[in-house]
């Protein structure tokens, strides 16, 4: 559902999740895309508890990397990765489809509960994160440092 520039979702328990505008824009192949649409789709998949999309510099371009925090007892299988890719391709566009889908234990947020895409992007590129004091869970950033999956 679209409301004033944000996606919202009403949960089964009657709660409301608001997917606000993100602090980063992805630019794979020169196509500017936002991440909110990706979150709207991926987090509707029951196995996924949370997700974070960032752009990674790759071969003179940028590729979309999707980090997923799985629900309790859930695994990131090859079949689930294909379901995620298919769902994004069919509901948004091929440009939004992540090149890599990587399981992580936690997603970093600000104290105000905003996903910190730019901080994760800095970490995966080996750049400093300057405002760690604004993070609710700054230790989560270490989960993204020097990931083998991002070297290939």
C-alpha atoms as a PDB file:
ATOM      1  CA  UNK A   1       0.000   0.000   0.000  1.00  0.00           C
ATOM      2  CA  UNK A   2       1.316   3.447  -0.865  1.00  0.00           C
ATOM      3  CA  UNK A   3       0.703   6.386   1.456  1.00  0.00           C
ATOM      4  CA  UNK A   4       2.312   9.807   1.036  1.00  0.00           C
ATOM      5  CA  UNK A   5       5.514   8.420  -0.473  1.00  0.00           C
ATOM      6  CA  UNK A   6       5.929   5.539   1.963  1.00  0.00           C
ATOM      7  CA  UNK A   7       4.893   1.909   1.816  1.00  0.00           C
ATOM      8  CA  UNK A   8       2.898   0.656   4.777  1.00  0.00           C
ATOM      9  CA  UNK A   9       1.971  -2.869   5.776  1.00  0.00           C
ATOM     10  CA  UNK A  10      -0.543  -3.977   8.356  1.00  0.00           C
ATOM     11  CA  UNK A  11       0.720  -7.074  10.162  1.00  0.00           C
ATOM     12  CA  UNK A  12      -1.360 -10.123  11.072  1.00  0.00           C
ATOM     13  CA  UNK A  13      -1.433  -8.914  14.679  1.00  0.00           C
ATOM     14  CA  UNK A  14      -2.817  -5.505  13.643  1.00  0.00           C
ATOM     15  CA  UNK A  15       0.458  -3.595  13.867  1.00  0.00           C
ATOM     16  CA  UNK A  16       1.639  -1.213  11.191  1.00  0.00           C
ATOM     17  CA  UNK A  17       5.043  -1.278   9.494  1.00  0.00           C
ATOM     18  CA  UNK A  18       5.979   1.908   7.636  1.00  0.00           C
ATOM     19  CA  UNK A  19       8.681   1.613   4.997  1.00  0.00           C
ATOM     20  CA  UNK A  20       9.973   5.155   4.778  1.00  0.00           C
ATOM     21  CA  UNK A  21      12.249   6.652   2.208  1.00  0.00           C
ATOM     22  CA  UNK A  22      15.734   5.241   2.369  1.00  0.00           C
ATOM     23  CA  UNK A  23      18.945   7.196   2.840  1.00  0.00           C
ATOM     24  CA  UNK A  24      20.588   5.635  -0.199  1.00  0.00           C
ATOM     25  CA  UNK A  25      19.793   5.275  -3.871  1.00  0.00           C
ATOM     26  CA  UNK A  26      21.078   2.292  -5.815  1.00  0.00           C
ATOM     27  CA  UNK A  27      22.427   2.867  -9.304  1.00  0.00           C
ATOM     28  CA  UNK A  28      23.088  -0.452 -11.099  1.00  0.00           C
ATOM     29  CA  UNK A  29      23.744   0.013 -14.799  1.00  0.00           C
ATOM     30  CA  UNK A  30      22.944   3.712 -14.509  1.00  0.00           C
ATOM     31  CA  UNK A  31      19.344   3.075 -13.402  1.00  0.00           C
ATOM     32  CA  UNK A  32      18.465   4.952 -10.203  1.00  0.00           C
ATOM     33  CA  UNK A  33      16.317   2.872  -7.882  1.00  0.00           C
ATOM     34  CA  UNK A  34      15.172   3.138  -4.294  1.00  0.00           C
ATOM     35  CA  UNK A  35      15.258   0.338  -1.761  1.00  0.00           C
ATOM     36  CA  UNK A  36      11.813   0.714  -0.212  1.00  0.00           C
ATOM     37  CA  UNK A  37      10.161  -1.348  -2.949  1.00  0.00           C
ATOM     38  CA  UNK A  38      12.640  -4.153  -2.330  1.00  0.00           C
ATOM     39  CA  UNK A  39      11.922  -4.151   1.407  1.00  0.00           C
ATOM     40  CA  UNK A  40       8.192  -4.126   0.795  1.00  0.00           C
ATOM     41  CA  UNK A  41       8.466  -7.373  -1.184  1.00  0.00           C
ATOM     42  CA  UNK A  42      11.197  -9.220   0.684  1.00  0.00           C
ATOM     43  CA  UNK A  43       9.824  -8.612   4.138  1.00  0.00           C
ATOM     44  CA  UNK A  44       6.429  -9.941   3.030  1.00  0.00           C
ATOM     45  CA  UNK A  45       8.103 -13.345   2.540  1.00  0.00           C
ATOM     46  CA  UNK A  46       7.391 -15.276   5.768  1.00  0.00           C
ATOM     47  CA  UNK A  47      10.923 -16.684   6.107  1.00  0.00           C
ATOM     48  CA  UNK A  48      12.511 -13.213   6.158  1.00  0.00           C
ATOM     49  CA  UNK A  49      12.436 -11.167   9.361  1.00  0.00           C
ATOM     50  CA  UNK A  50      14.269  -8.112   7.971  1.00  0.00           C
ATOM     51  CA  UNK A  51      16.382  -7.022   5.014  1.00  0.00           C
ATOM     52  CA  UNK A  52      18.806  -4.351   3.881  1.00  0.00           C
ATOM     53  CA  UNK A  53      19.808  -3.472   0.306  1.00  0.00           C
ATOM     54  CA  UNK A  54      22.962  -1.587  -0.640  1.00  0.00           C
ATOM     55  CA  UNK A  55      24.963  -0.908  -3.755  1.00  0.00           C
ATOM     56  CA  UNK A  56      28.440  -2.400  -4.021  1.00  0.00           C
ATOM     57  CA  UNK A  57      31.031  -0.999  -6.420  1.00  0.00           C
ATOM     58  CA  UNK A  58      31.733  -3.830  -8.829  1.00  0.00           C
ATOM     59  CA  UNK A  59      33.527  -4.004 -12.190  1.00  0.00           C
ATOM     60  CA  UNK A  60      33.167  -0.281 -13.003  1.00  0.00           C
ATOM     61  CA  UNK A  61      29.483  -0.364 -12.053  1.00  0.00           C
ATOM     62  CA  UNK A  62      27.332  -1.006  -9.018  1.00  0.00           C
ATOM     63  CA  UNK A  63      25.550  -4.200  -8.106  1.00  0.00           C
ATOM     64  CA  UNK A  64      22.649  -4.647  -5.710  1.00  0.00           C
ATOM     65  CA  UNK A  65      23.419  -6.618  -2.561  1.00  0.00           C
ATOM     66  CA  UNK A  66      20.527  -7.798  -0.405  1.00  0.00           C
ATOM     67  CA  UNK A  67      21.242  -8.782   3.180  1.00  0.00           C
ATOM     68  CA  UNK A  68      18.527 -10.798   4.877  1.00  0.00           C
ATOM     69  CA  UNK A  69      17.889 -11.578   8.508  1.00  0.00           C
ATOM     70  CA  UNK A  70      15.999 -14.814   8.643  1.00  0.00           C
ATOM     71  CA  UNK A  71      13.085 -15.601  10.914  1.00  0.00           C
ATOM     72  CA  UNK A  72      13.676 -17.978  13.807  1.00  0.00           C
ATOM     73  CA  UNK A  73      14.545 -21.443  12.565  1.00  0.00           C
ATOM     74  CA  UNK A  74      14.517 -20.386   8.907  1.00  0.00           C
ATOM     75  CA  UNK A  75      17.296 -20.980   6.383  1.00  0.00           C
ATOM     76  CA  UNK A  76      18.347 -19.036   3.308  1.00  0.00           C
ATOM     77  CA  UNK A  77      18.123 -21.832   0.759  1.00  0.00           C
ATOM     78  CA  UNK A  78      18.864 -21.673  -2.957  1.00  0.00           C
ATOM     79  CA  UNK A  79      15.125 -22.057  -3.574  1.00  0.00           C
ATOM     80  CA  UNK A  80      14.330 -19.110  -1.309  1.00  0.00           C
ATOM     81  CA  UNK A  81      16.964 -16.972  -3.035  1.00  0.00           C
ATOM     82  CA  UNK A  82      15.357 -17.761  -6.394  1.00  0.00           C
ATOM     83  CA  UNK A  83      11.920 -16.923  -4.966  1.00  0.00           C
ATOM     84  CA  UNK A  84      13.239 -13.558  -3.769  1.00  0.00           C
ATOM     85  CA  UNK A  85      14.792 -12.788  -7.157  1.00  0.00           C
ATOM     86  CA  UNK A  86      11.686 -13.875  -9.067  1.00  0.00           C
ATOM     87  CA  UNK A  87       9.384 -11.846  -6.790  1.00  0.00           C
ATOM     88  CA  UNK A  88      11.494  -8.704  -7.235  1.00  0.00           C
ATOM     89  CA  UNK A  89      11.864  -9.184 -11.014  1.00  0.00           C
ATOM     90  CA  UNK A  90       8.128  -9.768 -11.539  1.00  0.00           C
ATOM     91  CA  UNK A  91       6.867  -7.033  -9.205  1.00  0.00           C
ATOM     92  CA  UNK A  92       9.432  -4.262  -9.677  1.00  0.00           C
ATOM     93  CA  UNK A  93      12.029  -4.705 -12.423  1.00  0.00           C
ATOM     94  CA  UNK A  94      15.093  -6.725 -13.429  1.00  0.00           C
ATOM     95  CA  UNK A  95      17.282  -3.789 -12.317  1.00  0.00           C
ATOM     96  CA  UNK A  96      16.145  -4.275  -8.712  1.00  0.00           C
ATOM     97  CA  UNK A  97      17.132  -7.954  -8.601  1.00  0.00           C
ATOM     98  CA  UNK A  98      20.076  -8.420  -6.221  1.00  0.00           C
ATOM     99  CA  UNK A  99      23.326  -9.842  -7.564  1.00  0.00           C
ATOM    100  CA  UNK A 100      23.955 -11.353  -4.126  1.00  0.00           C
ATOM    101  CA  UNK A 101      21.618 -12.344  -1.316  1.00  0.00           C
ATOM    102  CA  UNK A 102      23.512 -12.819   1.929  1.00  0.00           C
ATOM    103  CA  UNK A 103      22.219 -13.981   5.298  1.00  0.00           C
ATOM    104  CA  UNK A 104      23.177 -11.803   8.277  1.00  0.00           C
ATOM    105  CA  UNK A 105      22.376 -12.125  11.966  1.00  0.00           C
ATOM    106  CA  UNK A 106      21.276  -8.507  12.402  1.00  0.00           C
ATOM    107  CA  UNK A 107      20.353  -5.358  10.491  1.00  0.00           C
ATOM    108  CA  UNK A 108      21.745  -2.065  11.867  1.00  0.00           C
ATOM    109  CA  UNK A 109      19.290   0.705  12.745  1.00  0.00           C
ATOM    110  CA  UNK A 110      19.486   4.241  14.024  1.00  0.00           C
ATOM    111  CA  UNK A 111      18.090   5.066  17.443  1.00  0.00           C
ATOM    112  CA  UNK A 112      14.982   6.287  15.558  1.00  0.00           C
ATOM    113  CA  UNK A 113      14.643   2.843  13.901  1.00  0.00           C
ATOM    114  CA  UNK A 114      15.786   3.772  10.402  1.00  0.00           C
ATOM    115  CA  UNK A 115      17.870   1.228   8.501  1.00  0.00           C
ATOM    116  CA  UNK A 116      21.415   2.484   8.020  1.00  0.00           C
ATOM    117  CA  UNK A 117      22.154   1.637   4.408  1.00  0.00           C
ATOM    118  CA  UNK A 118      24.935   4.186   3.942  1.00  0.00           C
ATOM    119  CA  UNK A 119      26.843   2.962   7.008  1.00  0.00           C
ATOM    120  CA  UNK A 120      26.696  -0.634   5.727  1.00  0.00           C
ATOM    121  CA  UNK A 121      27.779   0.539   2.287  1.00  0.00           C
ATOM    122  CA  UNK A 122      30.764   2.270   3.901  1.00  0.00           C
ATOM    123  CA  UNK A 123      31.671  -0.867   5.857  1.00  0.00           C
ATOM    124  CA  UNK A 124      31.575  -3.161   2.815  1.00  0.00           C
ATOM    125  CA  UNK A 125      33.814  -0.717   0.940  1.00  0.00           C
ATOM    126  CA  UNK A 126      36.266  -0.407   3.843  1.00  0.00           C
ATOM    127  CA  UNK A 127      35.363   3.224   4.488  1.00  0.00           C
ATOM    128  CA  UNK A 128      34.813   4.781   7.940  1.00  0.00           C
ATOM    129  CA  UNK A 129      31.410   5.121   9.586  1.00  0.00           C
ATOM    130  CA  UNK A 130      31.350   8.511  11.243  1.00  0.00           C
ATOM    131  CA  UNK A 131      28.122   8.630  13.242  1.00  0.00           C
ATOM    132  CA  UNK A 132      28.088   5.361  15.192  1.00  0.00           C
ATOM    133  CA  UNK A 133      26.576   7.200  18.171  1.00  0.00           C
ATOM    134  CA  UNK A 134      23.325   7.522  16.218  1.00  0.00           C
ATOM    135  CA  UNK A 135      22.995   3.732  15.931  1.00  0.00           C
ATOM    136  CA  UNK A 136      20.809   1.608  18.163  1.00  0.00           C
ATOM    137  CA  UNK A 137      22.982  -1.461  17.478  1.00  0.00           C
ATOM    138  CA  UNK A 138      26.390  -0.313  16.177  1.00  0.00           C
ATOM    139  CA  UNK A 139      27.884  -3.759  16.807  1.00  0.00           C
ATOM    140  CA  UNK A 140      25.780  -5.054  13.895  1.00  0.00           C
ATOM    141  CA  UNK A 141      28.020  -3.181  11.443  1.00  0.00           C
ATOM    142  CA  UNK A 142      30.827  -5.650  12.125  1.00  0.00           C
ATOM    143  CA  UNK A 143      28.700  -8.415  10.571  1.00  0.00           C
ATOM    144  CA  UNK A 144      29.232  -6.757   7.174  1.00  0.00           C
ATOM    145  CA  UNK A 145      32.998  -6.301   7.295  1.00  0.00           C
ATOM    146  CA  UNK A 146      35.233  -8.357   4.953  1.00  0.00           C
ATOM    147  CA  UNK A 147      32.541 -10.752   3.728  1.00  0.00           C
ATOM    148  CA  UNK A 148      33.896 -13.449   1.441  1.00  0.00           C
ATOM    149  CA  UNK A 149      30.681 -13.422  -0.635  1.00  0.00           C
ATOM    150  CA  UNK A 150      31.359  -9.823  -1.661  1.00  0.00           C
ATOM    151  CA  UNK A 151      34.779 -10.616  -3.118  1.00  0.00           C
ATOM    152  CA  UNK A 152      33.352 -12.676  -5.983  1.00  0.00           C
END
